Amino acid sequence: RRRRFCAAGAWADRAFAAWNLSLALFSVWGALEMSAWLREAVAVKGAWFTVCENPYGFETKGSSHATLALFLFAFSKIPELGDTAFLILRGKPVRFLQWYHHSTVMLFCWLAIATEYTPG
């Protein structure tokens, strides 16, 4: 009978905590970048623009920081698969919701970039 590999112990817990902290810090950075862009958009174009405007007219071209944040957010879905890798390495089951969520969000983000669909 074959034994399953299981990465357990304090080092695995610390690595997983560092992984989650880095993802959280990335999310905070992205939220700050986008909130700065949103504040400016509301000040210049009004609240109607930010909520009711045609999504294909939503542009971040004036803000290289917001454009970079959106680009990195979409492509961050690949490294976010690391959550699943940590589950596998720690010998935990990968539930349907885990892989379904990561798969569909990654596909949606790639579709949003390909079609320039910004509300996603």
Protein backbone atom coordinates (compact mmCIF):
# COMPACT_ATOMS: atom_id res chain seq x y z
CA ARG A 1 0.00 0.00 0.00
CA ARG A 2 1.31 3.41 -0.99
CA ARG A 3 1.62 6.20 1.59
CA ARG A 4 0.37 9.65 0.72
CA PHE A 5 2.76 12.56 1.01
CA CYS A 6 1.69 14.96 3.71
CA ALA A 7 3.50 18.19 4.50
CA ALA A 8 2.57 18.80 8.11
CA GLY A 9 4.10 20.60 10.99
CA ALA A 10 5.02 24.08 12.04
CA TRP A 11 6.87 24.92 8.81
CA ALA A 12 3.79 24.09 6.70
CA ASP A 13 1.59 26.18 8.98
CA ARG A 14 4.01 29.13 8.76
CA ALA A 15 4.27 28.82 4.98
CA PHE A 16 0.47 28.74 4.67
CA ALA A 17 0.14 31.76 6.99
CA ALA A 18 2.74 33.68 4.96
CA TRP A 19 0.92 32.72 1.76
CA ASN A 20 -2.40 33.99 3.11
CA LEU A 21 -0.78 37.17 4.44
CA SER A 22 0.76 37.93 1.05
CA LEU A 23 -2.61 37.41 -0.68
CA ALA A 24 -4.30 39.66 1.89
CA LEU A 25 -1.71 42.42 1.45
CA PHE A 26 -2.07 42.19 -2.33
CA SER A 27 -5.86 42.55 -1.94
CA VAL A 28 -5.46 45.59 0.32
CA TRP A 29 -3.08 47.21 -2.21
CA GLY A 30 -5.56 46.54 -5.05
CA ALA A 31 -8.47 47.93 -3.05
CA LEU A 32 -6.52 51.09 -2.22
CA GLU A 33 -5.51 51.60 -5.87
CA MET A 34 -9.06 51.11 -7.11
CA SER A 35 -10.64 53.23 -4.38
CA ALA A 36 -8.33 56.12 -5.32
CA TRP A 37 -9.45 55.75 -8.95
CA LEU A 38 -13.10 55.53 -7.85
CA ARG A 39 -12.86 58.69 -5.72
CA GLU A 40 -11.39 60.56 -8.68
CA ALA A 41 -14.02 59.19 -11.09
CA VAL A 42 -16.86 60.24 -8.77
CA ALA A 43 -15.33 63.70 -8.30
CA VAL A 44 -14.81 64.26 -12.05
CA LYS A 45 -17.74 62.40 -13.65
CA GLY A 46 -20.23 61.95 -10.79
CA ALA A 47 -21.76 58.98 -9.03
CA TRP A 48 -24.07 58.18 -11.97
CA PHE A 49 -21.05 57.36 -14.12
CA THR A 50 -19.62 54.91 -11.60
CA VAL A 51 -22.87 52.97 -11.13
CA CYS A 52 -25.04 53.32 -14.23
CA GLU A 53 -22.67 53.99 -17.13
CA ASN A 54 -22.19 51.49 -19.94
CA PRO A 55 -19.56 49.05 -18.60
CA TYR A 56 -17.67 49.17 -21.89
CA GLY A 57 -17.25 52.92 -21.46
CA PHE A 58 -15.60 52.47 -18.07
CA GLU A 59 -11.98 53.41 -18.63
CA THR A 60 -8.97 53.40 -16.37
CA LYS A 61 -6.63 54.65 -19.09
CA GLY A 62 -6.02 57.89 -17.21
CA SER A 63 -4.72 55.97 -14.23
CA SER A 64 -1.84 53.62 -14.80
CA HIS A 65 -2.08 52.47 -11.17
CA ALA A 66 -5.71 51.38 -11.55
CA THR A 67 -4.96 49.69 -14.87
CA LEU A 68 -2.05 47.81 -13.30
CA ALA A 69 -4.20 46.82 -10.31
CA LEU A 70 -6.91 45.41 -12.60
CA PHE A 71 -4.38 43.55 -14.72
CA LEU A 72 -2.61 42.04 -11.71
CA PHE A 73 -5.94 41.14 -10.09
CA ALA A 74 -6.98 39.15 -13.15
CA PHE A 75 -3.66 37.35 -13.42
CA SER A 76 -3.41 36.78 -9.66
CA LYS A 77 -5.96 34.02 -10.07
CA ILE A 78 -3.16 31.71 -11.24
CA PRO A 79 -1.06 32.02 -8.06
CA GLU A 80 -4.25 31.82 -5.99
CA LEU A 81 -4.37 28.18 -7.02
CA GLY A 82 -1.67 27.88 -4.35
CA ASP A 83 -4.50 27.51 -1.82
CA THR A 84 -5.41 24.24 -3.49
CA ALA A 85 -1.76 23.20 -3.63
CA PHE A 86 -1.45 23.79 0.12
CA LEU A 87 -4.50 21.62 0.74
CA ILE A 88 -3.02 18.81 -1.34
CA LEU A 89 0.43 19.10 0.27
CA ARG A 90 -1.09 19.05 3.75
CA GLY A 91 -3.09 15.93 2.93
CA LYS A 92 -6.47 17.66 3.23
CA PRO A 93 -9.36 16.96 0.88
CA VAL A 94 -9.97 19.38 -1.98
CA ARG A 95 -13.69 19.99 -1.92
CA PHE A 96 -15.83 20.74 -4.95
CA LEU A 97 -16.43 24.33 -3.87
CA GLN A 98 -12.65 24.97 -3.68
CA TRP A 99 -11.75 23.92 -7.20
CA TYR A 100 -15.05 25.15 -8.71
CA HIS A 101 -14.53 28.62 -7.22
CA HIS A 102 -10.93 28.92 -8.39
CA SER A 103 -11.73 27.58 -11.86
CA THR A 104 -14.74 29.79 -12.54
CA VAL A 105 -13.22 32.97 -11.11
CA MET A 106 -10.03 32.45 -13.14
CA LEU A 107 -12.03 31.87 -16.33
CA PHE A 108 -14.21 34.91 -15.68
CA CYS A 109 -11.19 37.16 -15.06
CA TRP A 110 -9.53 35.98 -18.25
CA LEU A 111 -12.78 36.57 -20.15
CA ALA A 112 -13.07 40.04 -18.61
CA ILE A 113 -9.59 40.94 -19.86
CA ALA A 114 -10.18 39.46 -23.33
CA THR A 115 -13.45 41.38 -23.78
CA GLU A 116 -12.46 44.47 -21.73
CA TYR A 117 -15.45 43.84 -19.47
CA THR A 118 -14.74 45.99 -16.42
CA PRO A 119 -17.60 45.39 -13.94
CA GLY A 120 -16.18 41.95 -13.05
